[in-house]
Amino acid sequence: PVARKNYAAFQRRPPVYFNTVEVQDVVLDWLNEQDMVTGDGGGDWIDITCPWGELHTTGDDTAGYKPVGRGFRNKFNRKVLVLRQKGANFKWESTTEAMYWQNSNYRIDVSEIRSECDQKKIFHDGPVACVNIFSPPKWTDGPFDMEMVEPFKKHVEFLVPELKEQAYFMQWLAAKVQNWAFRGTAIVLTTPTQGMGRNTLALMLTELVGEHNMSPDLSFHEFIHGQFNEWLDNLFVVCSEAIDTSDGNSGRFKAYESLKQRIDTTNTKILINPKGQSQYHVKAASSTLIFSNHMDAIALAAGDRRITVLQNPMKPNTPEYY
């Protein structure tokens, strides 16, 4: 778009962010994440690397971006012919591609970027127009090879040997992949023995849903006490080595109180506090897997329906199996 000093003057309608005290420029955030911001002299314009730099007639790949106003200093502003109606007649007019885009009736103004697994690409949250960046796994509808499925099934059968618990876990997982908004209970896999292959299970689930929908492996302390919680904006959250001894034995009871807030089974709206970025709200859809080698890692209330504890075997499988 063409940069103008008074951005609101050529907007068909002022966007919501224009009337807020604190403004998050999501375009600038994206440019920064792509390492395309090259300098900031403190003025109206920020120096950036232009994605179309090879087309510049000046021979360089730099450009300018004006925050909040969402303006680009365009060095390759091509002309197009537009057929416009003037009374009963039609007339060809020359305009730039940027102005053609600005005046297009098909342009959609959005105020927020969200990741909502049960919403369309463009949706409204009350008066706020949002663009949905949730990306489901890229599965196909074609035939599948059951031989590729068997290793996963066998690994679940090994990790959860009790048949009822095994059936529960598979149904829990099936409910999730058929409805991404399903959260279910938090699954706790426990055994005093290390090297069982629970992290292998997490890697298999990463292949299933995509790395972008899986949280990084969190420490239990970060999961319970961490200041930043962007990992809650994922389909699956994996937490390993669940134990909190920071406050002695009382830490187990405090951990349970904090845990309840993070594993609610409902799709409540939660505040995401990402490191180095602005806070935002999402409708929670994360399902939690917690691994522990400590049988007394958390003091759970009897009958808590938010948590399901599944017992792992006591001995690892053979080296050939892994």
Protein backbone atom coordinates (compact mmCIF):
# COMPACT_ATOMS: atom_id res chain seq x y z
CA PRO A 1 0.00 0.00 0.00
CA VAL A 2 1.02 3.60 -0.63
CA ALA A 3 2.37 5.39 2.44
CA ARG A 4 0.46 8.49 3.48
CA LYS A 5 1.05 10.85 6.37
CA ASN A 6 -2.60 10.69 7.39
CA TYR A 7 -3.38 7.00 7.16
CA ALA A 8 -7.00 7.33 8.35
CA ALA A 9 -7.76 9.74 5.53
CA PHE A 10 -7.77 7.03 2.86
CA GLN A 11 -9.23 4.20 4.93
CA ARG A 12 -12.79 3.26 4.03
CA ARG A 13 -13.31 2.72 7.74
CA PRO A 14 -10.84 3.27 10.60
CA PRO A 15 -9.72 -0.12 11.93
CA VAL A 16 -10.17 -0.97 15.60
CA TYR A 17 -6.47 -0.72 16.42
CA PHE A 18 -6.48 2.93 15.32
CA ASN A 19 -8.57 3.89 18.35
CA THR A 20 -6.64 1.99 21.01
CA VAL A 21 -4.10 3.44 23.43
CA GLU A 22 -1.59 0.60 23.04
CA VAL A 23 -1.15 -0.49 19.43
CA GLN A 24 0.35 -3.81 18.38
CA ASP A 25 1.63 -3.63 14.82
CA VAL A 26 1.39 -7.28 13.76
CA VAL A 27 2.96 -6.51 10.36
CA LEU A 28 6.06 -5.11 12.08
CA ASP A 29 6.11 -8.15 14.39
CA TRP A 30 6.08 -10.41 11.35
CA LEU A 31 8.81 -8.44 9.56
CA ASN A 32 10.96 -8.66 12.69
CA GLU A 33 10.38 -12.42 13.02
CA GLN A 34 11.52 -12.85 9.40
CA ASP A 35 14.75 -10.85 10.11
CA MET A 36 13.65 -8.27 7.54
CA VAL A 37 14.06 -5.21 9.80
CA THR A 38 17.46 -3.67 9.03
CA GLY A 39 17.39 -0.36 10.90
CA ASP A 40 15.39 2.18 12.87
CA GLY A 41 16.58 5.77 12.88
CA GLY A 42 13.84 6.90 15.23
CA GLY A 43 11.78 8.68 12.57
CA ASP A 44 8.49 7.73 10.93
CA TRP A 45 10.04 5.05 8.74
CA ILE A 46 11.78 1.77 9.58
CA ASP A 47 14.28 0.30 7.12
CA ILE A 48 13.37 -3.19 5.92
CA THR A 49 14.47 -5.73 3.34
CA CYS A 50 11.93 -5.72 0.52
CA PRO A 51 10.57 -9.18 -0.49
CA TRP A 52 10.52 -7.92 -4.11
CA GLY A 53 13.96 -6.31 -3.98
CA GLU A 54 15.14 -8.04 -7.15
CA LEU A 55 12.51 -6.05 -9.06
CA HIS A 56 13.72 -2.64 -7.86
CA THR A 57 15.00 -0.39 -10.61
CA THR A 58 17.36 1.23 -8.07
CA GLY A 59 19.48 -1.92 -7.78
CA ASP A 60 19.08 -2.38 -4.00
CA ASP A 61 16.68 -4.51 -1.96
CA THR A 62 15.82 -2.01 0.77
CA ALA A 63 12.47 -0.42 1.45
CA GLY A 64 10.71 1.49 4.20
CA TYR A 65 7.83 0.57 6.51
CA LYS A 66 5.78 3.00 8.59
CA PRO A 67 4.42 1.34 11.78
CA VAL A 68 0.76 1.64 12.80
CA GLY A 69 -0.05 3.44 9.55
CA ARG A 70 0.82 0.17 7.79
CA GLY A 71 2.52 2.04 4.92
CA PHE A 72 5.33 0.79 2.67
CA ARG A 73 7.70 3.04 0.78
CA ASN A 74 7.18 1.33 -2.54
CA LYS A 75 10.01 1.38 -5.11
CA PHE A 76 8.19 -0.84 -7.57
CA ASN A 77 4.72 0.68 -7.75
CA ARG A 78 3.36 -0.62 -11.06
CA LYS A 79 0.54 1.02 -12.97
CA VAL A 80 -2.67 -0.76 -13.94
CA LEU A 81 -5.70 0.25 -16.02
CA VAL A 82 -9.06 0.18 -14.25
CA LEU A 83 -12.44 0.46 -15.99
CA ARG A 84 -14.59 2.87 -13.97
CA GLN A 85 -18.19 3.96 -14.52
CA LYS A 86 -18.75 7.67 -14.99
CA GLY A 87 -22.49 8.23 -15.10
CA ALA A 88 -23.81 6.23 -18.05
CA ASN A 89 -20.36 5.79 -19.56
CA PHE A 90 -17.28 3.70 -18.74
CA LYS A 91 -13.76 5.06 -18.83
CA TRP A 92 -10.32 3.53 -18.49
CA GLU A 93 -8.22 5.13 -15.75
CA SER A 94 -4.60 4.61 -14.82
CA THR A 95 -3.82 3.93 -11.17
CA THR A 96 -1.15 2.17 -9.15
CA GLU A 97 -1.53 -1.40 -7.94
CA ALA A 98 -1.25 -0.12 -4.39
CA MET A 99 -4.14 2.34 -4.75
CA TYR A 100 -6.16 -0.27 -6.62
CA TRP A 101 -5.76 -2.55 -3.60
CA GLN A 102 -6.57 0.26 -1.15
CA ASN A 103 -9.84 1.10 -2.92
CA SER A 104 -10.91 -2.47 -3.64
CA ASN A 105 -14.30 -3.55 -2.33
CA TYR A 106 -12.85 -7.03 -1.86
CA ARG A 107 -10.23 -5.94 0.63
CA ILE A 108 -10.82 -7.16 4.18
CA ASP A 109 -9.60 -5.15 7.17
CA VAL A 110 -8.77 -7.24 10.21
CA SER A 111 -7.70 -6.01 13.62
CA GLU A 112 -6.24 -9.10 15.28
CA ILE A 113 -4.37 -12.28 14.46
CA ARG A 114 -5.75 -15.35 16.24
CA SER A 115 -5.15 -19.09 16.23
CA GLU A 116 -8.58 -20.70 16.67
CA CYS A 117 -8.93 -24.35 15.67
CA ASP A 118 -12.73 -24.21 15.34
CA GLN A 119 -13.09 -20.95 13.38
CA LYS A 120 -13.01 -19.97 9.72
CA LYS A 121 -10.04 -18.17 8.13
CA ILE A 122 -11.73 -14.80 8.69
CA PHE A 123 -14.09 -14.53 11.66
CA HIS A 124 -15.55 -11.95 14.02
CA ASP A 125 -15.22 -11.94 17.81
CA GLY A 126 -17.97 -9.45 18.59
CA PRO A 127 -17.07 -6.26 16.69
CA VAL A 128 -13.45 -7.34 16.15
CA ALA A 129 -12.51 -8.85 12.77
CA CYS A 130 -9.79 -11.51 13.10
CA VAL A 131 -7.65 -13.52 10.71
CA ASN A 132 -7.19 -17.13 11.79
CA ILE A 133 -3.65 -18.50 11.40
CA PHE A 134 -4.45 -22.00 12.73
CA SER A 135 -3.01 -24.59 10.37
CA PRO A 136 -4.38 -28.13 10.71
CA PRO A 137 -2.23 -31.14 9.78
CA LYS A 138 -1.95 -31.66 6.03
CA TRP A 139 -3.51 -35.11 5.83
CA THR A 140 -4.83 -36.67 2.65
CA ASP A 141 -7.95 -38.73 1.98
CA GLY A 142 -6.06 -41.40 0.08
CA PRO A 143 -5.28 -44.99 1.14
CA PHE A 144 -2.88 -45.64 4.00
CA ASP A 145 -0.45 -48.44 4.74
CA MET A 146 -1.41 -50.29 7.93
CA GLU A 147 2.20 -51.43 8.31
CA MET A 148 3.07 -47.77 8.98
CA VAL A 149 0.43 -47.62 11.71
CA GLU A 150 1.44 -50.81 13.53
CA PRO A 151 4.60 -49.41 15.21
CA PHE A 152 2.52 -46.66 16.82
CA LYS A 153 -0.13 -49.10 18.01
CA LYS A 154 2.49 -51.48 19.39
CA HIS A 155 4.25 -48.66 21.21
CA VAL A 156 1.00 -47.54 22.86
CA GLU A 157 0.31 -51.17 23.83
CA PHE A 158 3.75 -51.37 25.42
CA LEU A 159 3.59 -48.01 27.22
CA VAL A 160 0.04 -48.56 28.53
CA PRO A 161 -0.19 -52.32 29.15
CA GLU A 162 -3.47 -52.26 31.12
CA LEU A 163 -6.21 -52.83 28.51
CA LYS A 164 -8.81 -50.40 29.89
CA GLU A 165 -6.25 -47.62 30.23
CA GLN A 166 -4.93 -48.42 26.75
CA ALA A 167 -8.44 -48.15 25.27
CA TYR A 168 -9.02 -44.88 27.11
CA PHE A 169 -5.84 -43.32 25.72
CA MET A 170 -6.64 -44.35 22.13
CA GLN A 171 -10.19 -42.97 22.43
CA TRP A 172 -8.80 -39.76 23.98
CA LEU A 173 -6.44 -39.38 21.03
CA ALA A 174 -9.17 -40.25 18.48
CA ALA A 175 -11.47 -37.61 19.99
CA LYS A 176 -8.70 -35.02 19.64
CA VAL A 177 -7.87 -35.65 15.98
CA GLN A 178 -11.57 -35.64 15.04
CA ASN A 179 -12.28 -32.41 16.91
CA TRP A 180 -9.28 -30.14 17.53
CA ALA A 181 -11.23 -28.13 20.10
CA PHE A 182 -11.51 -31.22 22.32
CA ARG A 183 -9.24 -30.92 25.36
CA GLY A 184 -10.08 -33.97 27.44
CA THR A 185 -8.40 -34.83 30.70
CA ALA A 186 -4.70 -34.28 31.26
CA ILE A 187 -2.92 -37.61 30.74
CA VAL A 188 -0.24 -38.44 33.33
CA LEU A 189 2.10 -41.32 32.40
CA THR A 190 4.07 -42.56 35.41
CA THR A 191 6.78 -45.13 36.12
CA PRO A 192 9.85 -45.06 38.38
CA THR A 193 11.99 -46.35 35.49
CA GLN A 194 13.64 -44.14 32.89
CA GLY A 195 14.05 -44.90 29.20
CA MET A 196 10.56 -46.30 28.57
CA GLY A 197 9.94 -44.41 25.32
CA ARG A 198 7.47 -41.73 26.39
CA ASN A 199 9.42 -39.04 24.54
CA THR A 200 9.21 -41.32 21.48
CA LEU A 201 5.43 -41.18 21.87
CA ALA A 202 5.64 -37.37 21.92
CA LEU A 203 7.70 -37.42 18.70
CA MET A 204 5.09 -39.65 17.06
CA LEU A 205 2.34 -37.21 18.04
CA THR A 206 4.45 -34.37 16.60
CA GLU A 207 4.52 -36.20 13.27
CA LEU A 208 0.76 -36.67 13.54
CA VAL A 209 -0.28 -33.05 14.15
CA GLY A 210 2.73 -31.11 12.87
CA GLU A 211 5.53 -29.44 14.79
CA HIS A 212 3.74 -26.07 14.65
CA ASN A 213 0.83 -27.54 16.66
CA MET A 214 3.02 -29.14 19.35
CA SER A 215 4.55 -27.35 22.30
CA PRO A 216 8.26 -27.75 23.02
CA ASP A 217 9.10 -30.17 25.82
CA LEU A 218 8.48 -28.18 28.99
CA SER A 219 9.93 -28.65 32.43
CA PHE A 220 7.29 -29.12 35.07
CA HIS A 221 8.47 -26.02 36.91
CA GLU A 222 7.99 -23.90 33.77
CA PHE A 223 4.60 -25.51 33.17
CA ILE A 224 3.41 -24.64 36.69
CA HIS A 225 5.24 -21.43 37.55
CA GLY A 226 6.43 -20.02 34.22
CA GLN A 227 5.76 -16.34 33.54
CA PHE A 228 5.28 -16.96 29.80
CA ASN A 229 2.68 -19.40 28.49
CA GLU A 230 2.62 -19.22 24.66
CA TRP A 231 2.78 -23.03 24.65
CA LEU A 232 -0.88 -23.07 25.74
CA ASP A 233 -1.70 -21.91 22.20
CA ASN A 234 -0.93 -25.41 20.82
CA LEU A 235 -2.99 -28.55 20.22
CA PHE A 236 -0.77 -30.64 22.48
CA VAL A 237 1.33 -29.62 25.49
CA VAL A 238 4.01 -32.07 26.65
CA CYS A 239 5.55 -31.73 30.09
CA SER A 240 8.32 -34.06 31.26
CA GLU A 241 9.77 -34.89 34.68
CA ALA A 242 6.74 -33.84 36.68
CA ILE A 243 7.85 -33.03 40.22
CA ASP A 244 8.13 -29.77 42.13
CA THR A 245 10.36 -29.78 45.19
CA SER A 246 11.05 -26.04 45.23
CA ASP A 247 9.01 -25.68 48.44
CA GLY A 248 9.67 -29.10 49.91
CA ASN A 249 6.70 -31.42 50.29
CA SER A 250 4.31 -28.47 50.22
CA GLY A 251 5.41 -27.88 46.61
CA ARG A 252 3.38 -30.90 45.50
CA PHE A 253 0.18 -29.38 46.88
CA LYS A 254 0.93 -25.93 45.43
CA ALA A 255 1.71 -27.55 42.09
CA TYR A 256 -1.72 -29.16 42.04
CA GLU A 257 -3.44 -25.82 42.60
CA SER A 258 -1.53 -24.25 39.69
CA LEU A 259 -2.01 -27.33 37.54
CA LYS A 260 -5.80 -27.10 37.75
CA GLN A 261 -5.77 -23.71 36.05
CA ARG A 262 -3.79 -25.02 33.07
CA ILE A 263 -5.65 -28.26 32.37
CA ASP A 264 -9.26 -27.15 32.50
CA THR A 265 -11.20 -29.41 30.12
CA THR A 266 -13.44 -26.59 28.82
CA ASN A 267 -12.70 -24.19 25.96
CA THR A 268 -12.41 -21.13 28.16
CA LYS A 269 -10.83 -17.94 26.85
CA ILE A 270 -7.34 -17.58 28.31
CA LEU A 271 -4.68 -14.87 28.25
CA ILE A 272 -1.51 -15.82 26.35
CA ASN A 273 1.62 -14.02 27.55
CA PRO A 274 4.36 -14.71 24.96
CA LYS A 275 7.94 -13.70 25.65
CA GLY A 276 8.87 -10.44 23.92
CA GLN A 277 5.44 -9.98 22.32
CA SER A 278 2.08 -8.46 23.19
CA GLN A 279 -0.45 -10.45 25.15
CA TYR A 280 -3.55 -11.81 23.44
CA HIS A 281 -6.58 -13.99 24.22
CA VAL A 282 -7.38 -17.39 22.69
CA LYS A 283 -10.02 -20.01 23.21
CA ALA A 284 -8.07 -22.79 24.91
CA ALA A 285 -7.84 -26.06 22.96
CA SER A 286 -4.64 -27.60 24.33
CA SER A 287 -4.52 -31.21 25.51
CA THR A 288 -1.84 -32.05 28.06
CA LEU A 289 0.53 -35.01 28.43
CA ILE A 290 2.61 -35.16 31.62
CA PHE A 291 5.47 -37.64 32.07
CA SER A 292 6.94 -38.46 35.46
CA ASN A 293 9.38 -40.91 37.02
CA HIS A 294 8.09 -39.99 40.46
CA MET A 295 5.04 -41.82 41.76
CA ASP A 296 4.42 -38.99 44.28
CA ALA A 297 5.12 -36.10 41.89
CA ILE A 298 1.80 -34.30 42.45
CA ALA A 299 -0.66 -34.45 45.32
CA LEU A 300 -3.93 -35.03 43.44
CA ALA A 301 -7.39 -34.76 44.94
CA ALA A 302 -9.31 -38.02 44.92
CA GLY A 303 -11.82 -38.13 42.07
CA ASP A 304 -10.43 -35.13 40.16
CA ARG A 305 -12.01 -35.53 36.70
CA ARG A 306 -9.49 -33.22 35.03
CA ILE A 307 -6.64 -35.73 35.32
CA THR A 308 -6.23 -39.36 34.21
CA VAL A 309 -3.20 -41.27 35.50
CA LEU A 310 -2.00 -44.16 33.32
CA GLN A 311 0.55 -46.64 34.60
CA ASN A 312 3.59 -47.42 32.47
CA PRO A 313 5.50 -50.73 32.63
CA MET A 314 8.25 -51.13 35.23
CA LYS A 315 10.97 -52.28 32.81
CA PRO A 316 12.08 -50.89 29.44
CA ASN A 317 11.71 -52.98 26.32
CA THR A 318 14.65 -54.61 24.54
CA PRO A 319 17.29 -52.46 22.76
CA GLU A 320 16.17 -54.07 19.48
CA TYR A 321 12.63 -52.77 20.07
CA TYR A 322 13.78 -49.16 20.32
